[in-house]
Structures are given as structure tokens and as C-alpha cells.
Amino acid sequence: LCNQVVSEVRRHFEDLVFDTIIHRNAKLSEAPSVGKPVILYDAKSKGSVNYLNLAKEILQKNDMTKIRQEERIMEL
């Protein structure tokens, strides 16, 4: 179902959709409970890595930096 939704959103909104997907993750849910952003709560969690990659993608799409695919943080 998730892949179907992603495909439909990308089909409808085309270039407005980022490539990076923020996956559901327990650490993302736990971080607000301890009053920390996920990047400080668990920097190595899948959610943290996803958000860092999204930030890099936003910068790249706005010509604020140029990153190569190999510079992306490795997905866990």
C-alpha cells in the first residue's frame, strides 16, 4: 500500500515530490517524548538518516549545494 501511495503522489505531483522518503520508525515516535529532535535522540536511526538526506536534497534542489549520490548518508 505504501509503495502504491508513493507512486500515486509522484504521478500526480511529479517534480514537486522529493526523492527522499521518511520511513516510519520507533525512534521518530520516541524522540518527542524525551524532548529531543530525533537527530539528537538517535543520530544513527533510520529516521534521522532520512531527515538528513531530505535536508541535503532540499539544499541541492535549491542550488544551495551540490551533492553527489555517493555523498548521501548511507541508509540503515
Protein backbone atom coordinates (compact mmCIF):
# COMPACT_ATOMS: atom_id res chain seq x y z
CA LEU A 1 0.00 0.00 0.00
CA CYS A 2 2.80 2.45 0.87
CA ASN A 3 4.51 1.94 -2.49
CA GLN A 4 1.19 2.44 -4.24
CA VAL A 5 0.62 5.73 -2.40
CA VAL A 6 4.16 6.92 -3.20
CA SER A 7 3.66 6.09 -6.88
CA GLU A 8 0.32 7.89 -6.99
CA VAL A 9 1.68 11.01 -5.26
CA ARG A 10 4.68 11.11 -7.60
CA ARG A 11 2.45 10.63 -10.64
CA HIS A 12 0.13 13.45 -9.59
CA PHE A 13 2.67 15.98 -8.28
CA GLU A 14 5.67 14.98 -10.43
CA ASP A 15 8.70 17.22 -9.77
CA LEU A 16 7.21 18.69 -6.59
CA VAL A 17 7.84 15.42 -4.73
CA PHE A 18 11.23 14.77 -3.17
CA ASP A 19 13.09 11.51 -3.80
CA THR A 20 13.81 11.01 -0.10
CA ILE A 21 11.23 9.03 1.83
CA ILE A 22 10.85 9.43 5.60
CA HIS A 23 10.24 5.89 6.80
CA ARG A 24 8.14 5.17 9.88
CA ASN A 25 10.42 4.40 12.76
CA ALA A 26 10.12 3.91 16.53
CA LYS A 27 12.88 6.46 17.22
CA LEU A 28 10.86 9.14 15.41
CA SER A 29 7.98 8.47 17.80
CA GLU A 30 10.16 8.29 20.92
CA ALA A 31 12.17 11.48 20.36
CA PRO A 32 9.38 13.98 21.24
CA SER A 33 8.67 12.04 24.44
CA VAL A 34 12.15 12.85 25.70
CA GLY A 35 12.04 16.41 24.39
CA LYS A 36 14.71 15.99 21.73
CA PRO A 37 14.81 16.14 17.95
CA VAL A 38 15.42 12.69 16.51
CA ILE A 39 18.87 13.71 15.26
CA LEU A 40 19.94 14.31 18.89
CA TYR A 41 17.97 11.40 20.31
CA ASP A 42 19.46 8.79 17.96
CA ALA A 43 21.54 10.17 15.10
CA LYS A 44 22.04 6.72 13.59
CA SER A 45 18.36 5.80 13.44
CA LYS A 46 16.71 5.33 10.08
CA GLY A 47 14.50 8.37 10.75
CA SER A 48 17.49 10.61 11.47
CA VAL A 49 19.27 9.46 8.34
CA ASN A 50 16.11 10.02 6.29
CA TYR A 51 15.73 13.59 7.57
CA LEU A 52 19.40 14.39 6.96
CA ASN A 53 19.08 13.13 3.40
CA LEU A 54 15.92 15.20 2.92
CA ALA A 55 17.74 18.31 4.13
CA LYS A 56 20.56 17.67 1.67
CA GLU A 57 18.07 17.10 -1.14
CA ILE A 58 16.28 20.39 -0.35
CA LEU A 59 19.58 22.26 -0.44
CA GLN A 60 20.53 20.60 -3.70
CA LYS A 61 17.18 21.33 -5.39
CA ASN A 62 17.55 24.98 -4.40
CA ASP A 63 21.09 25.15 -5.82
CA MET A 64 22.48 25.85 -2.36
CA THR A 65 24.91 22.97 -2.56
CA LYS A 66 25.82 20.25 -4.97
CA ILE A 67 25.94 16.74 -3.62
CA ARG A 68 26.61 13.55 -5.47
CA GLN A 69 24.63 10.40 -4.88
CA GLU A 70 27.64 8.80 -3.15
CA GLU A 71 27.72 11.68 -0.64
CA ARG A 72 24.29 10.79 0.68
CA ILE A 73 24.25 9.32 4.15
CA MET A 74 24.01 5.57 3.85
CA GLU A 75 20.53 4.25 4.59
CA LEU A 76 20.50 1.82 7.51
